[in-house]
Amino acid sequence: MRVLIACPFSESLLDVLRGAGVEVDYRPKISQGELDELYTGYDGLVVRGNLRVRPVKGRGRLKVIVRAGAGVDNIAVEEFAGLGVKVFNTPDAVAESVGELVIGLMISLSRGIVRAAAALSRGEWLKQGLMGQELAGKTLGIIGLGRIGRVVARIAHAIGMKILVYDVVKFEAELLAQYKAEQVGLEKLLSESDYITIHTPLTEGTRSMIGERELRMMKKTAYLINTARGQIIDQEALKRALKEGWIAGAALDVFAEEPPRDLELLSIPNLIPTPHIGAQTKEAQEKAALEAVHILLRELKGVRAGP
């Protein structure tokens, strides 16, 4: 069995694959063109979000693709399924890291941390102009109560926030009770939340689900956080919302185009932009790689190497 690891990966886990009799080609800096040309020569492929995986040359010998991360929108899942290629991801591995980043961004927005640090590095003491607010007692709206949404809910509940949830899935009362959360419609969530965080996959149903209409429903004092996918928010509408004061501010870890080239958006003072770092922790990367190894060995070798 031959496997192409087309992303940064733990050397010790590469050795686990080799020890199981798998021939490993480790190419963490492979280009998109090289991947398109070479993928058919492998039984298994592992990528993160750095490359698009499309069946440009059919299936070849490829049997399984693993996205070491939460989403699979960079993989042509349906097309590969039609060719008999299985596609997996590792959403559990990155949930804690992304959830913690959301809380960090909420605190940064509330306390003006980025602005304060930037000003002080220029020798400016902005203490009097940086009156913030506490998260405790505020209302958090979570759009999508999946793995990451539940991490955010757990931490926010511990802080003392009131939690509203919108999801296409109807949740059992017992689950919501863990966070003292209330499941509501989207309009109620938008109009009543002090903070709104997005945790849905990118689908045709969620593409641009937060546009001008939705942004105008939010409180003028509210903050919007997106660590899911950039295309879920209409970025042109968000620029207007931030510039014209429809909302107080926003934090984006994801963008419609990555890396983003919209300097007008990135330079808006009440926006905190980060370069898609939600899963960029040592723990998340190691857990995602470990889960990818388990999947590869199970699917290619029939070996139960873990859950």
C-alpha atoms as a PDB file:
ATOM      1  CA  MET A   1       0.000   0.000   0.000  1.00  0.00           C
ATOM      2  CA  ARG A   2       1.244   3.474  -0.920  1.00  0.00           C
ATOM      3  CA  VAL A   3       0.135   6.640   0.878  1.00  0.00           C
ATOM      4  CA  LEU A   4       0.805  10.283   0.030  1.00  0.00           C
ATOM      5  CA  ILE A   5       0.918  12.621   3.027  1.00  0.00           C
ATOM      6  CA  ALA A   6       0.467  16.023   1.391  1.00  0.00           C
ATOM      7  CA  CYS A   7       0.600  18.203   4.521  1.00  0.00           C
ATOM      8  CA  PRO A   8       2.731  18.713   7.645  1.00  0.00           C
ATOM      9  CA  PHE A   9       2.648  15.552   9.756  1.00  0.00           C
ATOM     10  CA  SER A  10       4.212  14.077  12.870  1.00  0.00           C
ATOM     11  CA  GLU A  11       7.354  12.087  12.053  1.00  0.00           C
ATOM     12  CA  SER A  12       6.510   9.542  14.743  1.00  0.00           C
ATOM     13  CA  LEU A  13       3.133   8.888  13.130  1.00  0.00           C
ATOM     14  CA  LEU A  14       4.765   8.495   9.729  1.00  0.00           C
ATOM     15  CA  ASP A  15       6.833   5.771  11.377  1.00  0.00           C
ATOM     16  CA  VAL A  16       3.642   4.100  12.635  1.00  0.00           C
ATOM     17  CA  LEU A  17       2.431   3.835   9.058  1.00  0.00           C
ATOM     18  CA  ARG A  18       5.779   2.525   7.858  1.00  0.00           C
ATOM     19  CA  GLY A  19       5.858   0.020  10.702  1.00  0.00           C
ATOM     20  CA  ALA A  20       2.492  -1.301   9.533  1.00  0.00           C
ATOM     21  CA  GLY A  21       3.929  -2.014   6.085  1.00  0.00           C
ATOM     22  CA  VAL A  22       2.666   1.127   4.347  1.00  0.00           C
ATOM     23  CA  GLU A  23       4.960   2.881   1.874  1.00  0.00           C
ATOM     24  CA  VAL A  24       4.816   6.575   2.785  1.00  0.00           C
ATOM     25  CA  ASP A  25       5.602   9.473   0.448  1.00  0.00           C
ATOM     26  CA  TYR A  26       5.806  12.546   2.682  1.00  0.00           C
ATOM     27  CA  ARG A  27       5.359  15.723   0.614  1.00  0.00           C
ATOM     28  CA  PRO A  28       4.235  18.524   2.956  1.00  0.00           C
ATOM     29  CA  LYS A  29       5.078  21.242   0.409  1.00  0.00           C
ATOM     30  CA  ILE A  30       3.596  19.570  -2.661  1.00  0.00           C
ATOM     31  CA  SER A  31       2.020  22.008  -5.119  1.00  0.00           C
ATOM     32  CA  GLN A  32      -1.525  21.820  -6.413  1.00  0.00           C
ATOM     33  CA  GLY A  33      -0.276  20.899  -9.868  1.00  0.00           C
ATOM     34  CA  GLU A  34       1.927  18.121  -8.523  1.00  0.00           C
ATOM     35  CA  LEU A  35      -0.951  16.692  -6.475  1.00  0.00           C
ATOM     36  CA  ASP A  36      -3.284  16.693  -9.475  1.00  0.00           C
ATOM     37  CA  GLU A  37      -0.655  14.836 -11.472  1.00  0.00           C
ATOM     38  CA  LEU A  38       0.425  12.284  -8.854  1.00  0.00           C
ATOM     39  CA  TYR A  39      -2.562  11.349  -6.662  1.00  0.00           C
ATOM     40  CA  THR A  40      -3.681   8.410  -8.847  1.00  0.00           C
ATOM     41  CA  GLY A  41      -0.494   6.524  -7.980  1.00  0.00           C
ATOM     42  CA  TYR A  42      -1.432   6.131  -4.303  1.00  0.00           C
ATOM     43  CA  ASP A  43      -3.894   4.010  -2.349  1.00  0.00           C
ATOM     44  CA  GLY A  44      -4.363   6.665   0.321  1.00  0.00           C
ATOM     45  CA  LEU A  45      -4.046  10.439   0.508  1.00  0.00           C
ATOM     46  CA  VAL A  46      -3.936  12.802   3.495  1.00  0.00           C
ATOM     47  CA  VAL A  47      -4.410  16.567   3.131  1.00  0.00           C
ATOM     48  CA  ARG A  48      -5.356  19.484   5.327  1.00  0.00           C
ATOM     49  CA  GLY A  49      -7.005  22.629   3.971  1.00  0.00           C
ATOM     50  CA  ASN A  50      -3.992  23.626   1.901  1.00  0.00           C
ATOM     51  CA  LEU A  51      -4.959  21.802  -1.303  1.00  0.00           C
ATOM     52  CA  ARG A  52      -8.013  21.029  -3.385  1.00  0.00           C
ATOM     53  CA  VAL A  53      -8.523  17.368  -4.198  1.00  0.00           C
ATOM     54  CA  ARG A  54     -10.395  16.738  -7.440  1.00  0.00           C
ATOM     55  CA  PRO A  55     -10.635  13.650  -9.656  1.00  0.00           C
ATOM     56  CA  VAL A  56      -8.934  15.379 -12.561  1.00  0.00           C
ATOM     57  CA  LYS A  57      -7.389  12.101 -13.744  1.00  0.00           C
ATOM     58  CA  GLY A  58     -10.040   9.667 -12.555  1.00  0.00           C
ATOM     59  CA  ARG A  59      -9.475   7.327  -9.647  1.00  0.00           C
ATOM     60  CA  GLY A  60      -6.306   5.449 -10.475  1.00  0.00           C
ATOM     61  CA  ARG A  61      -5.466   3.248  -7.490  1.00  0.00           C
ATOM     62  CA  LEU A  62      -6.801   5.731  -4.938  1.00  0.00           C
ATOM     63  CA  LYS A  63      -9.099   4.175  -2.323  1.00  0.00           C
ATOM     64  CA  VAL A  64      -9.273   6.632   0.564  1.00  0.00           C
ATOM     65  CA  ILE A  65      -8.783  10.358   1.187  1.00  0.00           C
ATOM     66  CA  VAL A  66      -8.437  11.779   4.694  1.00  0.00           C
ATOM     67  CA  ARG A  67      -8.821  15.473   5.431  1.00  0.00           C
ATOM     68  CA  ALA A  68      -6.892  15.996   8.663  1.00  0.00           C
ATOM     69  CA  GLY A  69      -9.274  18.643   9.939  1.00  0.00           C
ATOM     70  CA  ALA A  70     -12.921  19.556  10.334  1.00  0.00           C
ATOM     71  CA  GLY A  71     -14.231  20.338   6.847  1.00  0.00           C
ATOM     72  CA  VAL A  72     -14.209  18.551   3.504  1.00  0.00           C
ATOM     73  CA  ASP A  73     -15.214  21.456   1.266  1.00  0.00           C
ATOM     74  CA  ASN A  74     -11.775  21.345  -0.407  1.00  0.00           C
ATOM     75  CA  ILE A  75     -12.471  17.773  -1.576  1.00  0.00           C
ATOM     76  CA  ALA A  76     -14.838  16.791  -4.403  1.00  0.00           C
ATOM     77  CA  VAL A  77     -16.608  14.287  -2.138  1.00  0.00           C
ATOM     78  CA  GLU A  78     -19.512  13.355  -4.419  1.00  0.00           C
ATOM     79  CA  GLU A  79     -17.331  12.946  -7.476  1.00  0.00           C
ATOM     80  CA  PHE A  80     -14.922  10.681  -5.628  1.00  0.00           C
ATOM     81  CA  ALA A  81     -17.804   8.732  -4.109  1.00  0.00           C
ATOM     82  CA  GLY A  82     -19.009   8.035  -7.626  1.00  0.00           C
ATOM     83  CA  LEU A  83     -15.593   6.558  -8.360  1.00  0.00           C
ATOM     84  CA  GLY A  84     -15.658   4.398  -5.236  1.00  0.00           C
ATOM     85  CA  VAL A  85     -13.185   6.498  -3.238  1.00  0.00           C
ATOM     86  CA  LYS A  86     -14.005   6.998   0.458  1.00  0.00           C
ATOM     87  CA  VAL A  87     -13.524  10.442   2.020  1.00  0.00           C
ATOM     88  CA  PHE A  88     -13.044  11.007   5.756  1.00  0.00           C
ATOM     89  CA  ASN A  89     -12.255  13.942   8.017  1.00  0.00           C
ATOM     90  CA  THR A  90     -11.218  14.356  11.665  1.00  0.00           C
ATOM     91  CA  PRO A  91     -13.564  16.941  13.216  1.00  0.00           C
ATOM     92  CA  ASP A  92     -13.204  15.741  16.812  1.00  0.00           C
ATOM     93  CA  ALA A  93      -9.475  16.417  16.729  1.00  0.00           C
ATOM     94  CA  VAL A  94      -9.746  20.183  16.214  1.00  0.00           C
ATOM     95  CA  ALA A  95     -12.918  21.035  18.150  1.00  0.00           C
ATOM     96  CA  GLU A  96     -11.244  22.114  21.393  1.00  0.00           C
ATOM     97  CA  SER A  97      -8.681  24.330  19.675  1.00  0.00           C
ATOM     98  CA  VAL A  98     -11.219  26.114  17.476  1.00  0.00           C
ATOM     99  CA  GLY A  99     -13.635  26.527  20.373  1.00  0.00           C
ATOM    100  CA  GLU A 100     -10.959  28.072  22.576  1.00  0.00           C
ATOM    101  CA  LEU A 101     -10.011  30.501  19.790  1.00  0.00           C
ATOM    102  CA  VAL A 102     -13.627  31.670  19.596  1.00  0.00           C
ATOM    103  CA  ILE A 103     -13.601  32.531  23.306  1.00  0.00           C
ATOM    104  CA  GLY A 104     -10.263  34.297  22.866  1.00  0.00           C
ATOM    105  CA  LEU A 105     -11.637  36.385  20.018  1.00  0.00           C
ATOM    106  CA  MET A 106     -14.723  37.272  22.054  1.00  0.00           C
ATOM    107  CA  ILE A 107     -12.534  38.516  24.894  1.00  0.00           C
ATOM    108  CA  SER A 108     -10.280  40.400  22.461  1.00  0.00           C
ATOM    109  CA  LEU A 109     -13.270  42.149  20.911  1.00  0.00           C
ATOM    110  CA  SER A 110     -14.772  42.978  24.301  1.00  0.00           C
ATOM    111  CA  ARG A 111     -11.593  44.423  25.798  1.00  0.00           C
ATOM    112  CA  GLY A 112      -9.956  46.022  22.751  1.00  0.00           C
ATOM    113  CA  ILE A 113      -6.862  43.892  23.276  1.00  0.00           C
ATOM    114  CA  VAL A 114      -5.567  44.087  19.704  1.00  0.00           C
ATOM    115  CA  ARG A 115      -6.086  47.834  19.480  1.00  0.00           C
ATOM    116  CA  ALA A 116      -4.488  48.383  22.904  1.00  0.00           C
ATOM    117  CA  ALA A 117      -1.407  46.328  22.069  1.00  0.00           C
ATOM    118  CA  ALA A 118      -0.948  48.004  18.690  1.00  0.00           C
ATOM    119  CA  ALA A 119      -1.268  51.472  20.219  1.00  0.00           C
ATOM    120  CA  LEU A 120       1.141  50.737  23.042  1.00  0.00           C
ATOM    121  CA  SER A 121       3.726  49.431  20.561  1.00  0.00           C
ATOM    122  CA  ARG A 122       3.561  52.921  19.010  1.00  0.00           C
ATOM    123  CA  GLY A 123       4.029  54.548  22.412  1.00  0.00           C
ATOM    124  CA  GLU A 124       0.353  55.478  22.842  1.00  0.00           C
ATOM    125  CA  TRP A 125      -1.350  54.945  26.239  1.00  0.00           C
ATOM    126  CA  LEU A 126      -5.041  54.425  25.419  1.00  0.00           C
ATOM    127  CA  LYS A 127      -6.287  53.346  28.838  1.00  0.00           C
ATOM    128  CA  GLN A 128      -9.079  55.905  29.087  1.00  0.00           C
ATOM    129  CA  GLY A 129     -10.339  55.167  25.586  1.00  0.00           C
ATOM    130  CA  LEU A 130     -10.606  51.416  26.090  1.00  0.00           C
ATOM    131  CA  MET A 131     -13.642  50.835  28.274  1.00  0.00           C
ATOM    132  CA  GLY A 132     -14.573  47.204  27.686  1.00  0.00           C
ATOM    133  CA  GLN A 133     -17.276  44.859  28.895  1.00  0.00           C
ATOM    134  CA  GLU A 134     -17.413  41.481  30.610  1.00  0.00           C
ATOM    135  CA  LEU A 135     -18.704  38.309  28.950  1.00  0.00           C
ATOM    136  CA  ALA A 136     -20.457  37.185  32.140  1.00  0.00           C
ATOM    137  CA  GLY A 137     -24.160  37.918  31.977  1.00  0.00           C
ATOM    138  CA  LYS A 138     -24.154  38.540  28.220  1.00  0.00           C
ATOM    139  CA  THR A 139     -26.076  36.493  25.645  1.00  0.00           C
ATOM    140  CA  LEU A 140     -24.147  34.294  23.219  1.00  0.00           C
ATOM    141  CA  GLY A 141     -25.827  33.086  20.039  1.00  0.00           C
ATOM    142  CA  ILE A 142     -24.325  29.891  18.617  1.00  0.00           C
ATOM    143  CA  ILE A 143     -25.232  29.090  15.018  1.00  0.00           C
ATOM    144  CA  GLY A 144     -24.575  25.363  14.736  1.00  0.00           C
ATOM    145  CA  LEU A 145     -24.284  23.268  17.897  1.00  0.00           C
ATOM    146  CA  GLY A 146     -21.955  20.605  16.562  1.00  0.00           C
ATOM    147  CA  ARG A 147     -18.612  19.566  18.017  1.00  0.00           C
ATOM    148  CA  ILE A 148     -17.059  23.029  18.018  1.00  0.00           C
ATOM    149  CA  GLY A 149     -20.272  24.780  18.971  1.00  0.00           C
ATOM    150  CA  ARG A 150     -20.522  22.561  22.051  1.00  0.00           C
ATOM    151  CA  VAL A 151     -16.972  23.404  23.123  1.00  0.00           C
ATOM    152  CA  VAL A 152     -17.866  27.096  22.882  1.00  0.00           C
ATOM    153  CA  ALA A 153     -21.130  26.490  24.775  1.00  0.00           C
ATOM    154  CA  ARG A 154     -19.317  24.627  27.558  1.00  0.00           C
ATOM    155  CA  ILE A 155     -16.784  27.400  28.133  1.00  0.00           C
ATOM    156  CA  ALA A 156     -19.316  30.214  27.743  1.00  0.00           C
ATOM    157  CA  HIS A 157     -21.656  28.541  30.221  1.00  0.00           C
ATOM    158  CA  ALA A 158     -18.801  28.300  32.731  1.00  0.00           C
ATOM    159  CA  ILE A 159     -18.103  32.027  32.249  1.00  0.00           C
ATOM    160  CA  GLY A 160     -21.739  32.795  33.055  1.00  0.00           C
ATOM    161  CA  MET A 161     -23.192  33.628  29.643  1.00  0.00           C
ATOM    162  CA  LYS A 162     -26.771  33.019  28.562  1.00  0.00           C
ATOM    163  CA  ILE A 163     -26.756  30.775  25.486  1.00  0.00           C
ATOM    164  CA  LEU A 164     -29.099  30.756  22.500  1.00  0.00           C
ATOM    165  CA  VAL A 165     -28.736  28.080  19.830  1.00  0.00           C
ATOM    166  CA  TYR A 166     -29.874  27.956  16.226  1.00  0.00           C
ATOM    167  CA  ASP A 167     -29.489  24.718  14.283  1.00  0.00           C
ATOM    168  CA  VAL A 168     -31.402  22.795  11.615  1.00  0.00           C
ATOM    169  CA  VAL A 169     -31.219  19.817  13.993  1.00  0.00           C
ATOM    170  CA  LYS A 170     -33.705  19.762  16.882  1.00  0.00           C
ATOM    171  CA  PHE A 171     -31.773  18.949  20.052  1.00  0.00           C
ATOM    172  CA  GLU A 172     -32.969  16.990  23.053  1.00  0.00           C
ATOM    173  CA  ALA A 173     -33.752  18.983  26.184  1.00  0.00           C
ATOM    174  CA  GLU A 174     -31.098  17.049  28.109  1.00  0.00           C
ATOM    175  CA  LEU A 175     -28.324  18.248  25.800  1.00  0.00           C
ATOM    176  CA  LEU A 176     -29.422  21.883  25.936  1.00  0.00           C
ATOM    177  CA  ALA A 177     -29.712  21.661  29.717  1.00  0.00           C
ATOM    178  CA  GLN A 178     -25.986  20.919  29.995  1.00  0.00           C
ATOM    179  CA  TYR A 179     -25.329  24.510  28.918  1.00  0.00           C
ATOM    180  CA  LYS A 180     -28.621  26.027  30.126  1.00  0.00           C
ATOM    181  CA  ALA A 181     -29.154  26.829  26.446  1.00  0.00           C
ATOM    182  CA  GLU A 182     -32.356  27.639  24.590  1.00  0.00           C
ATOM    183  CA  GLN A 183     -32.873  26.550  20.973  1.00  0.00           C
ATOM    184  CA  VAL A 184     -34.498  29.370  19.010  1.00  0.00           C
ATOM    185  CA  GLY A 185     -35.112  30.570  15.478  1.00  0.00           C
ATOM    186  CA  LEU A 186     -32.398  32.449  13.628  1.00  0.00           C
ATOM    187  CA  GLU A 187     -34.153  35.825  13.805  1.00  0.00           C
ATOM    188  CA  LYS A 188     -34.529  35.624  17.589  1.00  0.00           C
ATOM    189  CA  LEU A 189     -30.885  34.632  17.969  1.00  0.00           C
ATOM    190  CA  LEU A 190     -29.707  37.498  15.780  1.00  0.00           C
ATOM    191  CA  SER A 191     -31.835  40.139  17.492  1.00  0.00           C
ATOM    192  CA  GLU A 192     -31.170  39.108  21.116  1.00  0.00           C
ATOM    193  CA  SER A 193     -27.508  38.050  21.175  1.00  0.00           C
ATOM    194  CA  ASP A 194     -24.617  40.207  22.345  1.00  0.00           C
ATOM    195  CA  TYR A 195     -22.162  37.853  20.621  1.00  0.00           C
ATOM    196  CA  ILE A 196     -22.828  35.543  17.673  1.00  0.00           C
ATOM    197  CA  THR A 197     -20.494  32.748  16.627  1.00  0.00           C
ATOM    198  CA  ILE A 198     -20.869  30.603  13.501  1.00  0.00           C
ATOM    199  CA  HIS A 199     -20.200  26.851  13.465  1.00  0.00           C
ATOM    200  CA  THR A 200     -21.907  25.401  10.408  1.00  0.00           C
ATOM    201  CA  PRO A 201     -20.442  23.574   7.407  1.00  0.00           C
ATOM    202  CA  LEU A 202     -20.368  25.365   4.073  1.00  0.00           C
ATOM    203  CA  THR A 203     -23.302  24.130   1.994  1.00  0.00           C
ATOM    204  CA  GLU A 204     -25.596  25.731  -0.550  1.00  0.00           C
ATOM    205  CA  GLY A 205     -27.973  26.321   2.345  1.00  0.00           C
ATOM    206  CA  THR A 206     -25.397  28.150   4.478  1.00  0.00           C
ATOM    207  CA  ARG A 207     -23.570  30.073   1.747  1.00  0.00           C
ATOM    208  CA  SER A 208     -24.131  33.794   2.447  1.00  0.00           C
ATOM    209  CA  MET A 209     -26.614  32.933   5.208  1.00  0.00           C
ATOM    210  CA  ILE A 210     -25.429  36.047   7.060  1.00  0.00           C
ATOM    211  CA  GLY A 211     -26.029  38.950   4.708  1.00  0.00           C
ATOM    212  CA  GLU A 212     -27.306  42.515   4.963  1.00  0.00           C
ATOM    213  CA  ARG A 213     -30.746  41.461   6.224  1.00  0.00           C
ATOM    214  CA  GLU A 214     -29.291  39.336   9.009  1.00  0.00           C
ATOM    215  CA  LEU A 215     -26.628  41.880   9.994  1.00  0.00           C
ATOM    216  CA  ARG A 216     -29.261  44.610  10.318  1.00  0.00           C
ATOM    217  CA  MET A 217     -31.205  42.361  12.716  1.00  0.00           C
ATOM    218  CA  MET A 218     -28.281  42.304  15.155  1.00  0.00           C
ATOM    219  CA  LYS A 219     -27.865  44.734  18.023  1.00  0.00           C
ATOM    220  CA  LYS A 220     -25.676  47.742  17.299  1.00  0.00           C
ATOM    221  CA  THR A 221     -23.641  46.665  20.332  1.00  0.00           C
ATOM    222  CA  ALA A 222     -23.237  43.043  19.146  1.00  0.00           C
ATOM    223  CA  TYR A 223     -20.127  41.238  17.932  1.00  0.00           C
ATOM    224  CA  LEU A 224     -19.919  38.592  15.181  1.00  0.00           C
ATOM    225  CA  ILE A 225     -17.297  35.812  15.158  1.00  0.00           C
ATOM    226  CA  ASN A 226     -16.690  33.414  12.261  1.00  0.00           C
ATOM    227  CA  THR A 227     -14.252  30.507  12.497  1.00  0.00           C
ATOM    228  CA  ALA A 228     -16.237  28.193  10.172  1.00  0.00           C
ATOM    229  CA  ARG A 229     -16.026  29.133   6.475  1.00  0.00           C
ATOM    230  CA  GLY A 230     -15.670  32.599   4.969  1.00  0.00           C
ATOM    231  CA  GLN A 231     -18.411  32.167   2.392  1.00  0.00           C
ATOM    232  CA  ILE A 232     -21.069  31.851   5.110  1.00  0.00           C
ATOM    233  CA  ILE A 233     -20.941  35.639   5.578  1.00  0.00           C
ATOM    234  CA  ASP A 234     -21.499  38.142   2.769  1.00  0.00           C
ATOM    235  CA  GLN A 235     -18.217  40.026   3.151  1.00  0.00           C
ATOM    236  CA  GLU A 236     -19.401  43.118   1.273  1.00  0.00           C
ATOM    237  CA  ALA A 237     -22.379  43.404   3.604  1.00  0.00           C
ATOM    238  CA  LEU A 238     -20.100  42.876   6.606  1.00  0.00           C
ATOM    239  CA  LYS A 239     -17.817  45.703   5.488  1.00  0.00           C
ATOM    240  CA  ARG A 240     -20.795  48.056   5.414  1.00  0.00           C
ATOM    241  CA  ALA A 241     -22.029  46.788   8.766  1.00  0.00           C
ATOM    242  CA  LEU A 242     -18.672  47.483  10.405  1.00  0.00           C
ATOM    243  CA  LYS A 243     -18.102  50.847   8.751  1.00  0.00           C
ATOM    244  CA  GLU A 244     -21.641  52.156   9.239  1.00  0.00           C
ATOM    245  CA  GLY A 245     -22.118  50.859  12.774  1.00  0.00           C
ATOM    246  CA  TRP A 246     -24.829  48.256  12.241  1.00  0.00           C
ATOM    247  CA  ILE A 247     -22.817  46.107  14.700  1.00  0.00           C
ATOM    248  CA  ALA A 248     -20.026  46.888  17.152  1.00  0.00           C
ATOM    249  CA  GLY A 249     -17.362  44.652  15.646  1.00  0.00           C
ATOM    250  CA  ALA A 250     -16.379  41.287  14.248  1.00  0.00           C
ATOM    251  CA  ALA A 251     -13.601  38.699  14.320  1.00  0.00           C
ATOM    252  CA  LEU A 252     -12.860  36.546  11.277  1.00  0.00           C
ATOM    253  CA  ASP A 253     -10.538  33.562  11.184  1.00  0.00           C
ATOM    254  CA  VAL A 254     -11.831  32.524   7.749  1.00  0.00           C
ATOM    255  CA  PHE A 255     -12.412  34.385   4.497  1.00  0.00           C
ATOM    256  CA  ALA A 256     -14.140  33.871   1.170  1.00  0.00           C
ATOM    257  CA  GLU A 257     -10.686  33.964  -0.429  1.00  0.00           C
ATOM    258  CA  GLU A 258      -7.632  32.683   1.432  1.00  0.00           C
ATOM    259  CA  PRO A 259      -5.231  34.340   1.833  1.00  0.00           C
ATOM    260  CA  PRO A 260      -7.573  37.377   1.652  1.00  0.00           C
ATOM    261  CA  ARG A 261      -6.619  40.233  -0.634  1.00  0.00           C
ATOM    262  CA  ASP A 262      -9.399  42.618   0.406  1.00  0.00           C
ATOM    263  CA  LEU A 263      -7.264  45.146   2.274  1.00  0.00           C
ATOM    264  CA  GLU A 264     -10.289  47.399   2.725  1.00  0.00           C
ATOM    265  CA  LEU A 265     -11.911  44.715   4.868  1.00  0.00           C
ATOM    266  CA  LEU A 266      -8.726  43.794   6.748  1.00  0.00           C
ATOM    267  CA  SER A 267      -7.991  47.406   7.699  1.00  0.00           C
ATOM    268  CA  ILE A 268     -11.377  48.161   9.306  1.00  0.00           C
ATOM    269  CA  PRO A 269     -10.597  49.160  12.930  1.00  0.00           C
ATOM    270  CA  ASN A 270     -13.417  47.190  14.571  1.00  0.00           C
ATOM    271  CA  LEU A 271     -12.468  43.939  12.837  1.00  0.00           C
ATOM    272  CA  ILE A 272     -10.005  41.388  14.237  1.00  0.00           C
ATOM    273  CA  PRO A 273      -8.735  39.232  11.323  1.00  0.00           C
ATOM    274  CA  THR A 274      -6.640  36.108  11.921  1.00  0.00           C
ATOM    275  CA  PRO A 275      -5.125  33.800   9.257  1.00  0.00           C
ATOM    276  CA  HIS A 276      -7.266  30.645   9.691  1.00  0.00           C
ATOM    277  CA  ILE A 277      -5.519  29.559  12.879  1.00  0.00           C
ATOM    278  CA  GLY A 278      -8.455  27.807  14.563  1.00  0.00           C
ATOM    279  CA  ALA A 279      -6.814  24.378  14.456  1.00  0.00           C
ATOM    280  CA  GLN A 280      -3.235  25.664  14.666  1.00  0.00           C
ATOM    281  CA  THR A 281      -2.285  24.184  18.017  1.00  0.00           C
ATOM    282  CA  LYS A 282       0.174  21.390  18.684  1.00  0.00           C
ATOM    283  CA  GLU A 283      -2.556  19.332  20.326  1.00  0.00           C
ATOM    284  CA  ALA A 284      -5.048  19.657  17.475  1.00  0.00           C
ATOM    285  CA  GLN A 285      -2.493  18.919  14.787  1.00  0.00           C
ATOM    286  CA  GLU A 286      -1.235  15.839  16.617  1.00  0.00           C
ATOM    287  CA  LYS A 287      -4.760  14.535  17.269  1.00  0.00           C
ATOM    288  CA  ALA A 288      -5.782  15.090  13.641  1.00  0.00           C
ATOM    289  CA  ALA A 289      -2.695  13.260  12.380  1.00  0.00           C
ATOM    290  CA  LEU A 290      -3.256  10.378  14.797  1.00  0.00           C
ATOM    291  CA  GLU A 291      -6.866  10.002  13.703  1.00  0.00           C
ATOM    292  CA  ALA A 292      -5.781  10.105  10.056  1.00  0.00           C
ATOM    293  CA  VAL A 293      -3.362   7.233  10.718  1.00  0.00           C
ATOM    294  CA  HIS A 294      -6.125   5.202  12.371  1.00  0.00           C
ATOM    295  CA  ILE A 295      -8.385   5.738   9.357  1.00  0.00           C
ATOM    296  CA  LEU A 296      -5.705   4.832   6.827  1.00  0.00           C
ATOM    297  CA  LEU A 297      -4.747   1.609   8.605  1.00  0.00           C
ATOM    298  CA  ARG A 298      -8.365   0.614   9.061  1.00  0.00           C
ATOM    299  CA  GLU A 299      -9.357   1.255   5.463  1.00  0.00           C
ATOM    300  CA  LEU A 300      -6.208   0.048   3.698  1.00  0.00           C
ATOM    301  CA  LYS A 301      -4.893  -2.685   5.964  1.00  0.00           C
ATOM    302  CA  GLY A 302      -7.925  -3.770   7.975  1.00  0.00           C
ATOM    303  CA  VAL A 303      -6.001  -2.955  11.143  1.00  0.00           C
ATOM    304  CA  ARG A 304      -7.853  -1.573  14.154  1.00  0.00           C
ATOM    305  CA  ALA A 305      -5.246   0.904  15.335  1.00  0.00           C
ATOM    306  CA  GLY A 306      -7.609   2.981  17.406  1.00  0.00           C
ATOM    307  CA  PRO A 307     -11.131   4.471  17.483  1.00  0.00           C
END
